[in-house]
Structure formats: C-alpha cells, structure tokens
C-alpha cells in the first residue's frame, strides 16, 4: 500500500474517534508502521502494540529505538 494512501485510511479512522487521546490497540503490529501513523495524527493517544512473531517484534523494537521512542 502506498504510504500516502495508508495515511489517508488512518485519517479516516481518526475522524471517527470522539476524543484526541484515545486508547488504541495494535494487534499484530508488525514493524509498527500503523502505530507510527496513528501517533503522528494523535500524539496524545495511548498506544498498546502486540506482535507475536519474534522477527517482526525485533523490527518493531529497532524502528522505535531509532525514532527515539523505544
């Protein structure tokens, strides 16, 4: 999926939420791309990410450490 189109989908989801600081569960978060998009649009959101595949979880951790969150 094109990253810009992906962000549009996230904007549509955010537009359905009633508050600026929702709790979001990202089940099967892979490398955290969706989580990153949601935090970009909702910086006050509480985000809980779960990834059962250890390889994807390692990519997730690496990516978030690189952007200064992990």
Protein backbone atom coordinates (compact mmCIF):
# COMPACT_ATOMS: atom_id res chain seq x y z
CA UNK A 1 0.00 0.00 0.00
CA UNK A 2 1.21 3.46 -0.86
CA UNK A 3 2.23 5.27 2.39
CA UNK A 4 0.19 8.35 1.46
CA UNK A 5 -2.93 6.26 0.86
CA UNK A 6 -2.22 4.44 4.12
CA UNK A 7 -2.15 7.75 5.96
CA UNK A 8 -5.48 8.68 4.35
CA UNK A 9 -7.01 5.50 5.77
CA UNK A 10 -5.66 6.39 9.20
CA UNK A 11 -7.09 9.91 8.88
CA UNK A 12 -10.50 8.40 8.13
CA UNK A 13 -10.28 6.18 11.22
CA UNK A 14 -9.18 9.12 13.38
CA UNK A 15 -12.12 11.17 12.11
CA UNK A 16 -14.47 8.56 13.62
CA UNK A 17 -12.98 8.89 17.10
CA UNK A 18 -14.63 11.18 19.64
CA UNK A 19 -11.56 12.29 21.57
CA UNK A 20 -8.00 13.46 20.97
CA UNK A 21 -6.43 10.93 23.34
CA UNK A 22 -7.96 7.52 22.55
CA UNK A 23 -6.59 4.17 23.65
CA UNK A 24 -5.51 2.22 20.56
CA UNK A 25 -4.64 -1.48 20.48
CA UNK A 26 -2.49 -2.55 17.53
CA UNK A 27 -2.74 -6.33 17.49
CA UNK A 28 -0.22 -7.87 15.11
CA UNK A 29 1.67 -4.59 14.85
CA UNK A 30 4.40 -5.97 12.58
CA UNK A 31 7.05 -3.22 12.33
CA UNK A 32 4.87 -0.52 13.91
CA UNK A 33 4.01 1.43 10.76
CA UNK A 34 0.32 1.76 11.67
CA UNK A 35 1.19 2.76 15.23
CA UNK A 36 3.54 5.41 13.90
CA UNK A 37 0.82 6.84 11.65
CA UNK A 38 -1.70 6.96 14.49
CA UNK A 39 0.77 8.73 16.77
CA UNK A 40 1.52 11.21 14.02
CA UNK A 41 -2.18 12.05 13.82
CA UNK A 42 -2.97 11.65 17.53
CA UNK A 43 0.16 12.42 19.56
CA UNK A 44 -1.81 12.13 22.83
CA UNK A 45 -3.11 8.62 22.09
CA UNK A 46 -2.26 5.75 24.40
CA UNK A 47 -0.97 3.03 22.12
CA UNK A 48 -0.58 -0.64 23.01
CA UNK A 49 1.18 -2.78 20.41
CA UNK A 50 1.35 -6.58 20.34
CA UNK A 51 3.35 -8.70 17.92
CA UNK A 52 3.66 -12.48 18.39
CA UNK A 53 6.27 -13.08 15.65
CA UNK A 54 9.71 -12.55 17.22
CA UNK A 55 11.22 -11.41 13.90
CA UNK A 56 8.58 -8.73 13.41
CA UNK A 57 8.81 -7.77 17.10
CA UNK A 58 12.56 -7.25 16.67
CA UNK A 59 11.94 -4.97 13.65
CA UNK A 60 9.34 -3.09 15.69
CA UNK A 61 11.74 -2.53 18.58
CA UNK A 62 14.57 -1.47 16.28
CA UNK A 63 12.37 1.01 14.42
CA UNK A 64 11.03 2.60 17.62
CA UNK A 65 14.50 2.90 19.16
CA UNK A 66 15.69 4.64 16.00
CA UNK A 67 12.91 7.24 16.24
CA UNK A 68 13.61 7.73 19.94
CA UNK A 69 10.55 6.11 21.49
CA UNK A 70 11.75 2.62 22.42
